[in-house]
C-alpha atoms as a PDB file:
ATOM      1  CA  UNK A   1    -160.447 -81.413-144.956  1.00  0.00           C
ATOM      2  CA  UNK A   2    -160.441 -78.166-142.956  1.00  0.00           C
ATOM      3  CA  UNK A   3    -162.736 -78.205-139.970  1.00  0.00           C
ATOM      4  CA  UNK A   4    -164.839 -75.339-141.300  1.00  0.00           C
ATOM      5  CA  UNK A   5    -165.771 -77.419-144.358  1.00  0.00           C
ATOM      6  CA  UNK A   6    -167.125 -80.361-142.315  1.00  0.00           C
ATOM      7  CA  UNK A   7    -170.845 -81.060-142.386  1.00  0.00           C
ATOM      8  CA  UNK A   8    -172.483 -79.971-139.169  1.00  0.00           C
ATOM      9  CA  UNK A   9    -175.632 -81.955-138.387  1.00  0.00           C
ATOM     10  CA  UNK A  10    -178.890 -80.248-137.531  1.00  0.00           C
ATOM     11  CA  UNK A  11    -180.689 -80.409-134.183  1.00  0.00           C
ATOM     12  CA  UNK A  12    -182.751 -83.505-135.008  1.00  0.00           C
ATOM     13  CA  UNK A  13    -179.769 -85.692-135.846  1.00  0.00           C
ATOM     14  CA  UNK A  14    -178.169 -88.308-133.605  1.00  0.00           C
ATOM     15  CA  UNK A  15    -174.793 -87.397-132.119  1.00  0.00           C
ATOM     16  CA  UNK A  16    -171.916 -89.680-131.141  1.00  0.00           C
ATOM     17  CA  UNK A  17    -171.496 -90.792-127.516  1.00  0.00           C
ATOM     18  CA  UNK A  18    -175.062 -92.084-127.364  1.00  0.00           C
ATOM     19  CA  UNK A  19    -176.778 -88.756-126.660  1.00  0.00           C
ATOM     20  CA  UNK A  20    -180.165 -88.078-128.137  1.00  0.00           C
ATOM     21  CA  UNK A  21    -180.768 -84.660-129.593  1.00  0.00           C
ATOM     22  CA  UNK A  22    -184.010 -82.786-129.383  1.00  0.00           C
ATOM     23  CA  UNK A  23    -186.728 -83.988-131.703  1.00  0.00           C
ATOM     24  CA  UNK A  24    -185.364 -87.543-131.939  1.00  0.00           C
ATOM     25  CA  UNK A  25    -187.704 -90.364-130.848  1.00  0.00           C
ATOM     26  CA  UNK A  26    -185.455 -93.245-131.981  1.00  0.00           C
ATOM     27  CA  UNK A  27    -182.815 -94.837-129.737  1.00  0.00           C
ATOM     28  CA  UNK A  28    -179.454 -93.088-129.586  1.00  0.00           C
ATOM     29  CA  UNK A  29    -176.550 -94.438-131.594  1.00  0.00           C
ATOM     30  CA  UNK A  30    -173.125 -94.499-129.997  1.00  0.00           C
ATOM     31  CA  UNK A  31    -170.981 -94.154-133.103  1.00  0.00           C
ATOM     32  CA  UNK A  32    -167.767 -93.962-131.141  1.00  0.00           C
ATOM     33  CA  UNK A  33    -168.492 -97.286-129.405  1.00  0.00           C
ATOM     34  CA  UNK A  34    -169.410 -98.911-132.733  1.00  0.00           C
ATOM     35  CA  UNK A  35    -166.230 -97.611-134.351  1.00  0.00           C
ATOM     36  CA  UNK A  36    -164.122 -98.773-131.394  1.00  0.00           C
ATOM     37  CA  UNK A  37    -165.777-102.201-131.457  1.00  0.00           C
ATOM     38  CA  UNK A  38    -165.163-102.664-135.185  1.00  0.00           C
ATOM     39  CA  UNK A  39    -161.575-101.440-134.770  1.00  0.00           C
ATOM     40  CA  UNK A  40    -160.897-103.942-131.991  1.00  0.00           C
ATOM     41  CA  UNK A  41    -162.461-106.765-134.026  1.00  0.00           C
ATOM     42  CA  UNK A  42    -160.310-105.890-137.035  1.00  0.00           C
ATOM     43  CA  UNK A  43    -157.253-105.653-134.789  1.00  0.00           C
ATOM     44  CA  UNK A  44    -157.932-109.121-133.343  1.00  0.00           C
ATOM     45  CA  UNK A  45    -158.562-110.582-136.804  1.00  0.00           C
ATOM     46  CA  UNK A  46    -155.320-109.045-138.043  1.00  0.00           C
ATOM     47  CA  UNK A  47    -153.490-110.587-135.077  1.00  0.00           C
ATOM     48  CA  UNK A  48    -155.167-113.942-135.777  1.00  0.00           C
ATOM     49  CA  UNK A  49    -154.240-113.923-139.463  1.00  0.00           C
ATOM     50  CA  UNK A  50    -150.608-113.083-138.676  1.00  0.00           C
ATOM     51  CA  UNK A  51    -150.447-115.796-135.989  1.00  0.00           C
ATOM     52  CA  UNK A  52    -151.865-118.404-138.382  1.00  0.00           C
ATOM     53  CA  UNK A  53    -149.362-117.471-141.066  1.00  0.00           C
ATOM     54  CA  UNK A  54    -146.505-117.582-138.564  1.00  0.00           C
ATOM     55  CA  UNK A  55    -147.651-121.120-137.644  1.00  0.00           C
ATOM     56  CA  UNK A  56    -147.538-122.123-141.321  1.00  0.00           C
ATOM     57  CA  UNK A  57    -151.295-122.019-141.897  1.00  0.00           C
ATOM     58  CA  UNK A  58    -153.615-119.816-143.856  1.00  0.00           C
ATOM     59  CA  UNK A  59    -156.213-117.963-141.785  1.00  0.00           C
ATOM     60  CA  UNK A  60    -158.934-120.157-143.324  1.00  0.00           C
ATOM     61  CA  UNK A  61    -157.055-123.327-142.348  1.00  0.00           C
ATOM     62  CA  UNK A  62    -156.832-122.059-138.779  1.00  0.00           C
ATOM     63  CA  UNK A  63    -160.562-121.240-138.820  1.00  0.00           C
ATOM     64  CA  UNK A  64    -161.294-124.743-140.121  1.00  0.00           C
ATOM     65  CA  UNK A  65    -159.255-126.400-137.370  1.00  0.00           C
ATOM     66  CA  UNK A  66    -161.068-124.327-134.761  1.00  0.00           C
ATOM     67  CA  UNK A  67    -164.497-124.985-136.278  1.00  0.00           C
ATOM     68  CA  UNK A  68    -163.916-128.737-136.432  1.00  0.00           C
ATOM     69  CA  UNK A  69    -162.661-128.862-132.845  1.00  0.00           C
ATOM     70  CA  UNK A  70    -165.144-126.354-131.453  1.00  0.00           C
ATOM     71  CA  UNK A  71    -168.304-127.618-133.143  1.00  0.00           C
ATOM     72  CA  UNK A  72    -167.671-131.365-133.013  1.00  0.00           C
ATOM     73  CA  UNK A  73    -168.491-132.419-129.473  1.00  0.00           C
ATOM     74  CA  UNK A  74    -169.458-135.947-130.407  1.00  0.00           C
ATOM     75  CA  UNK A  75    -166.930-136.665-133.155  1.00  0.00           C
ATOM     76  CA  UNK A  76    -166.078-135.727-136.713  1.00  0.00           C
ATOM     77  CA  UNK A  77    -168.144-133.232-138.672  1.00  0.00           C
ATOM     78  CA  UNK A  78    -169.304-133.346-142.268  1.00  0.00           C
ATOM     79  CA  UNK A  79    -167.730-131.236-144.971  1.00  0.00           C
ATOM     80  CA  UNK A  80    -171.134-129.583-145.422  1.00  0.00           C
ATOM     81  CA  UNK A  81    -171.218-128.597-141.757  1.00  0.00           C
ATOM     82  CA  UNK A  82    -167.688-127.243-142.051  1.00  0.00           C
ATOM     83  CA  UNK A  83    -168.796-125.129-145.024  1.00  0.00           C
ATOM     84  CA  UNK A  84    -171.671-123.772-142.932  1.00  0.00           C
ATOM     85  CA  UNK A  85    -169.399-122.933-139.991  1.00  0.00           C
ATOM     86  CA  UNK A  86    -166.905-121.150-142.266  1.00  0.00           C
ATOM     87  CA  UNK A  87    -169.640-119.382-144.245  1.00  0.00           C
ATOM     88  CA  UNK A  88    -168.318-120.771-147.547  1.00  0.00           C
ATOM     89  CA  UNK A  89    -169.780-122.894-150.321  1.00  0.00           C
ATOM     90  CA  UNK A  90    -169.547-126.672-150.110  1.00  0.00           C
ATOM     91  CA  UNK A  91    -167.062-127.002-152.976  1.00  0.00           C
ATOM     92  CA  UNK A  92    -164.792-124.417-151.302  1.00  0.00           C
ATOM     93  CA  UNK A  93    -164.819-126.499-148.101  1.00  0.00           C
ATOM     94  CA  UNK A  94    -164.017-129.644-150.136  1.00  0.00           C
ATOM     95  CA  UNK A  95    -160.960-127.936-151.646  1.00  0.00           C
ATOM     96  CA  UNK A  96    -159.876-126.720-148.200  1.00  0.00           C
ATOM     97  CA  UNK A  97    -160.242-130.217-146.736  1.00  0.00           C
ATOM     98  CA  UNK A  98    -158.236-131.645-149.648  1.00  0.00           C
ATOM     99  CA  UNK A  99    -155.346-129.246-148.981  1.00  0.00           C
ATOM    100  CA  UNK A 100    -155.459-129.757-145.213  1.00  0.00           C
ATOM    101  CA  UNK A 101    -155.545-133.540-145.595  1.00  0.00           C
ATOM    102  CA  UNK A 102    -152.420-133.384-147.786  1.00  0.00           C
ATOM    103  CA  UNK A 103    -150.730-131.322-145.064  1.00  0.00           C
ATOM    104  CA  UNK A 104    -151.603-133.974-142.473  1.00  0.00           C
ATOM    105  CA  UNK A 105    -153.870-131.657-140.480  1.00  0.00           C
ATOM    106  CA  UNK A 106    -157.147-133.518-141.132  1.00  0.00           C
ATOM    107  CA  UNK A 107    -158.306-137.061-141.594  1.00  0.00           C
ATOM    108  CA  UNK A 108    -161.312-138.154-143.652  1.00  0.00           C
ATOM    109  CA  UNK A 109    -163.892-140.762-142.727  1.00  0.00           C
ATOM    110  CA  UNK A 110    -166.958-142.092-144.486  1.00  0.00           C
ATOM    111  CA  UNK A 111    -170.154-141.589-142.490  1.00  0.00           C
ATOM    112  CA  UNK A 112    -171.393-144.986-141.246  1.00  0.00           C
ATOM    113  CA  UNK A 113    -175.009-143.818-141.500  1.00  0.00           C
ATOM    114  CA  UNK A 114    -174.703-142.321-144.992  1.00  0.00           C
ATOM    115  CA  UNK A 115    -171.873-143.593-147.174  1.00  0.00           C
ATOM    116  CA  UNK A 116    -172.150-140.531-149.413  1.00  0.00           C
ATOM    117  CA  UNK A 117    -171.136-138.149-146.625  1.00  0.00           C
ATOM    118  CA  UNK A 118    -167.503-137.430-145.839  1.00  0.00           C
ATOM    119  CA  UNK A 119    -166.611-136.583-142.269  1.00  0.00           C
ATOM    120  CA  UNK A 120    -163.458-134.813-141.142  1.00  0.00           C
ATOM    121  CA  UNK A 121    -161.515-134.864-137.904  1.00  0.00           C
ATOM    122  CA  UNK A 122    -158.294-133.314-136.689  1.00  0.00           C
ATOM    123  CA  UNK A 123    -155.140-135.399-136.789  1.00  0.00           C
ATOM    124  CA  UNK A 124    -152.583-135.227-133.998  1.00  0.00           C
ATOM    125  CA  UNK A 125    -150.662-132.639-136.062  1.00  0.00           C
ATOM    126  CA  UNK A 126    -153.841-130.592-136.525  1.00  0.00           C
ATOM    127  CA  UNK A 127    -154.571-130.768-132.795  1.00  0.00           C
ATOM    128  CA  UNK A 128    -151.048-129.577-131.960  1.00  0.00           C
ATOM    129  CA  UNK A 129    -151.216-126.614-134.336  1.00  0.00           C
ATOM    130  CA  UNK A 130    -154.636-125.617-133.042  1.00  0.00           C
ATOM    131  CA  UNK A 131    -153.565-125.913-129.406  1.00  0.00           C
ATOM    132  CA  UNK A 132    -150.551-123.643-129.959  1.00  0.00           C
ATOM    133  CA  UNK A 133    -152.598-121.059-131.850  1.00  0.00           C
ATOM    134  CA  UNK A 134    -155.458-121.163-129.345  1.00  0.00           C
ATOM    135  CA  UNK A 135    -153.086-120.499-126.463  1.00  0.00           C
ATOM    136  CA  UNK A 136    -151.810-117.264-127.989  1.00  0.00           C
ATOM    137  CA  UNK A 137    -155.318-116.260-129.082  1.00  0.00           C
ATOM    138  CA  UNK A 138    -156.568-116.559-125.498  1.00  0.00           C
ATOM    139  CA  UNK A 139    -153.657-114.404-124.340  1.00  0.00           C
ATOM    140  CA  UNK A 140    -154.539-111.762-126.939  1.00  0.00           C
ATOM    141  CA  UNK A 141    -158.214-111.862-125.940  1.00  0.00           C
ATOM    142  CA  UNK A 142    -157.293-111.468-122.274  1.00  0.00           C
ATOM    143  CA  UNK A 143    -155.319-108.329-123.058  1.00  0.00           C
ATOM    144  CA  UNK A 144    -158.187-106.963-125.207  1.00  0.00           C
ATOM    145  CA  UNK A 145    -160.875-107.914-122.694  1.00  0.00           C
ATOM    146  CA  UNK A 146    -160.962-104.701-120.610  1.00  0.00           C
ATOM    147  CA  UNK A 147    -161.448-102.525-123.689  1.00  0.00           C
ATOM    148  CA  UNK A 148    -164.077-104.829-125.161  1.00  0.00           C
ATOM    149  CA  UNK A 149    -165.905-104.946-121.843  1.00  0.00           C
ATOM    150  CA  UNK A 150    -166.067-101.126-121.724  1.00  0.00           C
ATOM    151  CA  UNK A 151    -167.466-101.033-125.258  1.00  0.00           C
ATOM    152  CA  UNK A 152    -170.081-103.702-124.532  1.00  0.00           C
ATOM    153  CA  UNK A 153    -171.157-101.841-121.370  1.00  0.00           C
ATOM    154  CA  UNK A 154    -171.555 -98.736-123.488  1.00  0.00           C
ATOM    155  CA  UNK A 155    -173.829-100.685-125.855  1.00  0.00           C
ATOM    156  CA  UNK A 156    -175.955-101.884-122.935  1.00  0.00           C
ATOM    157  CA  UNK A 157    -176.237 -98.356-121.516  1.00  0.00           C
ATOM    158  CA  UNK A 158    -177.287 -96.938-124.879  1.00  0.00           C
ATOM    159  CA  UNK A 159    -180.012 -99.613-125.191  1.00  0.00           C
ATOM    160  CA  UNK A 160    -181.508 -98.593-121.845  1.00  0.00           C
ATOM    161  CA  UNK A 161    -181.911 -94.955-122.859  1.00  0.00           C
END
């Protein structure tokens, strides 16, 4: 669209870069920082999905391995907890666990305290896949860290105004 046809906001609107315009009593919105943040998140998620697929996993399988390892300090977790961590329905987590068990990535246990509950844990193969993926994810996060830090500082500055 030609520049002359673009909508030009009035004086009371909020501009990008976190600057408040005259007549505005609400906090400033740094649209550029928000857009950059969302872009960097999408870029990392795209990297993560590609890395999982290269390792022979679906992105959801990688997320499940990480959730089980990251949220299970004391031992295996329930399928219901896994569903909560992945933000999916219980039956979706059951199907995921079924597929991952067949691939040798997870093992199932019956909860000693409640025989109706199924617990899951990583197998050695699951641990190895997660370790390899986590290593490259940390490298990617380290390279993205300076940019993310700048964006987060921008958010903090805009909150103080």
